């Protein structure tokens, strides 16, 4: 393992810490975290390539190459069905109970995420993601938030069975960021 890879893995842990301690609605923590390295990264990259090939989605293939070339990958997800109890309606349902009832239906085979999700929990996820990438930036680790990698990681079970939405942040330290000038 190179000194850079060791440092990137340590920063992934700091990013997870930043996501965990980020502010959350109602003081309830429904954020799920996993730091992937080596074999897990290979498994994720292969599954992303398979999904992209099967569904004709070239951007999954492009992102799979980035994940494969990364030193570590932080996956951040949320239990989006854990409503806050505000009955705010932002999710499209009149009550939180209606969201929970709707979510009991089986996930569509045509979507990568399960839904519906509490809009406030989605905001919690966004704040956690922002806190994590801020930490990566402070430590000069190249990164990119990816819905593609997060959705596949979630469906591989890296965040457990209760996760409804996830994003991944592959991380790299090299002379030039692998996340820019990407070929489609």
Protein backbone atom coordinates (compact mmCIF):
# COMPACT_ATOMS: atom_id res chain seq x y z
CA UNK A 1 0.00 0.00 0.00
CA UNK A 2 1.35 3.42 -0.92
CA UNK A 3 1.57 6.29 1.52
CA UNK A 4 -1.06 8.10 -0.53
CA UNK A 5 -3.52 5.19 -0.36
CA UNK A 6 -2.98 4.92 3.40
CA UNK A 7 -3.67 8.65 3.75
CA UNK A 8 -6.76 8.50 1.54
CA UNK A 9 -8.18 5.63 3.60
CA UNK A 10 -7.60 7.66 6.78
CA UNK A 11 -9.35 10.66 5.22
CA UNK A 12 -12.29 8.39 4.27
CA UNK A 13 -12.66 7.68 7.97
CA UNK A 14 -12.57 11.40 8.76
CA UNK A 15 -15.19 11.98 6.07
CA UNK A 16 -17.41 9.34 7.68
CA UNK A 17 -16.94 11.13 10.99
CA UNK A 18 -17.95 14.45 9.41
CA UNK A 19 -21.06 12.83 7.90
CA UNK A 20 -21.97 11.21 11.21
CA UNK A 21 -21.67 14.44 13.19
CA UNK A 22 -23.40 16.64 10.59
CA UNK A 23 -26.63 18.25 11.83
CA UNK A 24 -29.74 16.11 11.48
CA UNK A 25 -33.45 16.93 11.68
CA UNK A 26 -35.09 16.35 15.01
CA UNK A 27 -31.73 15.16 16.36
CA UNK A 28 -32.37 11.66 14.95
CA UNK A 29 -29.52 10.03 13.07
CA UNK A 30 -30.74 7.92 10.16
CA UNK A 31 -27.49 8.16 8.17
CA UNK A 32 -25.74 4.93 7.13
CA UNK A 33 -22.01 4.78 6.32
CA UNK A 34 -19.49 2.37 4.84
CA UNK A 35 -15.87 2.85 3.80
CA UNK A 36 -14.96 0.54 0.91
CA UNK A 37 -11.45 -0.52 0.00
CA UNK A 38 -9.77 -3.04 -2.33
CA UNK A 39 -12.05 -6.10 -2.80
CA UNK A 40 -15.22 -4.12 -2.06
CA UNK A 41 -14.22 -1.45 -4.59
CA UNK A 42 -13.63 -4.14 -7.22
CA UNK A 43 -17.00 -5.73 -6.47
CA UNK A 44 -18.74 -2.35 -6.72
CA UNK A 45 -16.98 -1.43 -9.97
CA UNK A 46 -17.89 -4.78 -11.58
CA UNK A 47 -21.52 -4.47 -10.50
CA UNK A 48 -21.69 -0.92 -11.87
CA UNK A 49 -20.26 -2.10 -15.21
CA UNK A 50 -22.73 -4.98 -15.32
CA UNK A 51 -25.65 -2.65 -14.58
CA UNK A 52 -24.53 -0.11 -17.16
CA UNK A 53 -24.04 -2.77 -19.84
CA UNK A 54 -27.37 -4.48 -19.09
CA UNK A 55 -29.31 -1.21 -19.19
CA UNK A 56 -27.36 0.62 -21.91
CA UNK A 57 -26.21 3.34 -19.50
CA UNK A 58 -22.75 4.51 -20.53
CA UNK A 59 -22.38 6.84 -17.57
CA UNK A 60 -22.47 3.81 -15.23
CA UNK A 61 -19.54 2.37 -17.21
CA UNK A 62 -17.62 5.66 -17.04
CA UNK A 63 -18.21 5.95 -13.29
CA UNK A 64 -17.28 2.27 -12.79
CA UNK A 65 -13.84 3.05 -14.26
CA UNK A 66 -13.44 5.91 -11.76
CA UNK A 67 -14.46 3.69 -8.86
CA UNK A 68 -12.04 0.97 -9.98
CA UNK A 69 -9.19 3.51 -10.06
CA UNK A 70 -10.00 5.00 -6.64
CA UNK A 71 -8.01 4.42 -3.46
CA UNK A 72 -11.09 4.25 -1.19
CA UNK A 73 -14.79 4.95 -1.46
CA UNK A 74 -17.18 6.30 1.16
CA UNK A 75 -20.82 5.30 0.76
CA UNK A 76 -23.38 7.46 2.55
CA UNK A 77 -27.03 6.48 2.68
CA UNK A 78 -30.16 7.13 4.67
CA UNK A 79 -33.16 5.35 6.07
CA UNK A 80 -35.49 7.60 4.10
CA UNK A 81 -38.64 5.96 5.39
CA UNK A 82 -37.80 7.02 8.95
CA UNK A 83 -40.06 10.04 8.82
CA UNK A 84 -39.59 12.99 11.14
CA UNK A 85 -43.28 13.20 12.06
CA UNK A 86 -43.87 16.76 10.89
CA UNK A 87 -46.64 15.98 8.36
CA UNK A 88 -45.05 18.72 6.23
CA UNK A 89 -46.13 17.28 2.87
CA UNK A 90 -42.78 17.92 1.16
CA UNK A 91 -42.63 14.25 0.10
CA UNK A 92 -45.96 14.54 -1.71
CA UNK A 93 -48.03 12.83 0.96
CA UNK A 94 -50.35 14.58 3.41
CA UNK A 95 -49.05 12.72 6.45
CA UNK A 96 -45.94 10.84 7.53
CA UNK A 97 -48.16 7.79 8.14
CA UNK A 98 -49.19 7.88 4.47
CA UNK A 99 -45.52 7.86 3.42
CA UNK A 100 -44.80 4.85 5.60
CA UNK A 101 -47.82 3.01 4.18
CA UNK A 102 -46.81 3.80 0.59
CA UNK A 103 -43.23 2.66 1.29
CA UNK A 104 -44.46 -0.77 2.41
CA UNK A 105 -45.12 -1.62 -1.23
CA UNK A 106 -42.37 -3.49 -3.04
CA UNK A 107 -39.66 -1.38 -4.70
CA UNK A 108 -40.09 -1.00 -8.44
CA UNK A 109 -37.78 -3.20 -10.50
CA UNK A 110 -37.17 -0.25 -12.83
CA UNK A 111 -35.76 2.19 -10.26
CA UNK A 112 -32.45 2.15 -8.43
CA UNK A 113 -33.84 3.62 -5.21
CA UNK A 114 -36.75 2.68 -2.99
CA UNK A 115 -39.37 5.30 -2.28
CA UNK A 116 -41.15 7.32 -1.24
CA UNK A 117 -38.68 8.99 1.11
CA UNK A 118 -39.06 11.64 3.77
CA UNK A 119 -37.91 14.92 2.22
CA UNK A 120 -36.38 16.02 5.51
CA UNK A 121 -34.28 12.83 5.62
CA UNK A 122 -33.14 13.58 2.08
CA UNK A 123 -31.96 16.98 3.33
CA UNK A 124 -30.09 15.20 6.15
CA UNK A 125 -28.38 13.04 3.51
CA UNK A 126 -27.39 16.12 1.50
CA UNK A 127 -25.92 17.82 4.56
CA UNK A 128 -23.96 14.65 5.43
CA UNK A 129 -22.61 14.45 1.87
CA UNK A 130 -21.57 18.11 1.95
CA UNK A 131 -19.81 17.67 5.28
CA UNK A 132 -17.94 14.62 3.95
CA UNK A 133 -16.69 16.25 0.74
CA UNK A 134 -15.71 19.37 2.66
CA UNK A 135 -13.47 17.14 4.76
CA UNK A 136 -11.97 15.55 1.64
CA UNK A 137 -11.26 19.01 0.22
CA UNK A 138 -9.57 20.16 3.42
CA UNK A 139 -7.22 17.18 3.12
CA UNK A 140 -6.64 17.61 -0.64
CA UNK A 141 -8.22 14.30 -1.61
CA UNK A 142 -9.82 14.25 -5.06
CA UNK A 143 -13.42 13.09 -4.96
CA UNK A 144 -16.74 13.09 -6.73
CA UNK A 145 -20.23 12.41 -5.41
CA UNK A 146 -21.81 9.66 -7.52
CA UNK A 147 -25.41 8.57 -7.54
CA UNK A 148 -24.41 5.69 -9.84
CA UNK A 149 -21.94 4.15 -7.40
CA UNK A 150 -24.17 4.86 -4.40
CA UNK A 151 -27.23 3.20 -5.86
CA UNK A 152 -25.29 0.07 -6.84
CA UNK A 153 -23.49 -0.05 -3.47
CA UNK A 154 -26.86 0.18 -1.74
CA UNK A 155 -28.29 -2.63 -3.84
CA UNK A 156 -25.19 -4.76 -3.10
CA UNK A 157 -26.07 -4.43 0.60
CA UNK A 158 -23.06 -2.36 1.69
CA UNK A 159 -25.36 -0.23 3.88
CA UNK A 160 -27.76 -2.89 5.14
CA UNK A 161 -31.36 -3.63 4.27
CA UNK A 162 -32.94 -0.42 5.62
CA UNK A 163 -31.14 1.97 3.26
CA UNK A 164 -33.45 3.61 0.71
CA UNK A 165 -31.12 6.16 -0.96
CA UNK A 166 -27.32 6.28 -1.13
CA UNK A 167 -24.52 8.14 -2.84
CA UNK A 168 -20.87 7.12 -3.05
CA UNK A 169 -17.79 9.28 -2.92
CA UNK A 170 -14.82 7.57 -4.56
CA UNK A 171 -11.50 9.05 -3.43
CA UNK A 172 -8.13 9.38 -5.13
CA UNK A 173 -4.75 10.97 -4.61
CA UNK A 174 -2.69 11.25 -7.75
CA UNK A 175 -0.89 13.88 -9.79
CA UNK A 176 -4.11 14.70 -11.68
CA UNK A 177 -7.68 14.16 -10.54
CA UNK A 178 -9.19 11.03 -12.10
CA UNK A 179 -12.65 12.55 -11.81
CA UNK A 180 -12.21 15.21 -14.51
CA UNK A 181 -11.61 14.88 -18.25
CA UNK A 182 -13.53 11.62 -18.03
CA UNK A 183 -14.34 9.78 -21.23
CA UNK A 184 -18.01 8.92 -21.70
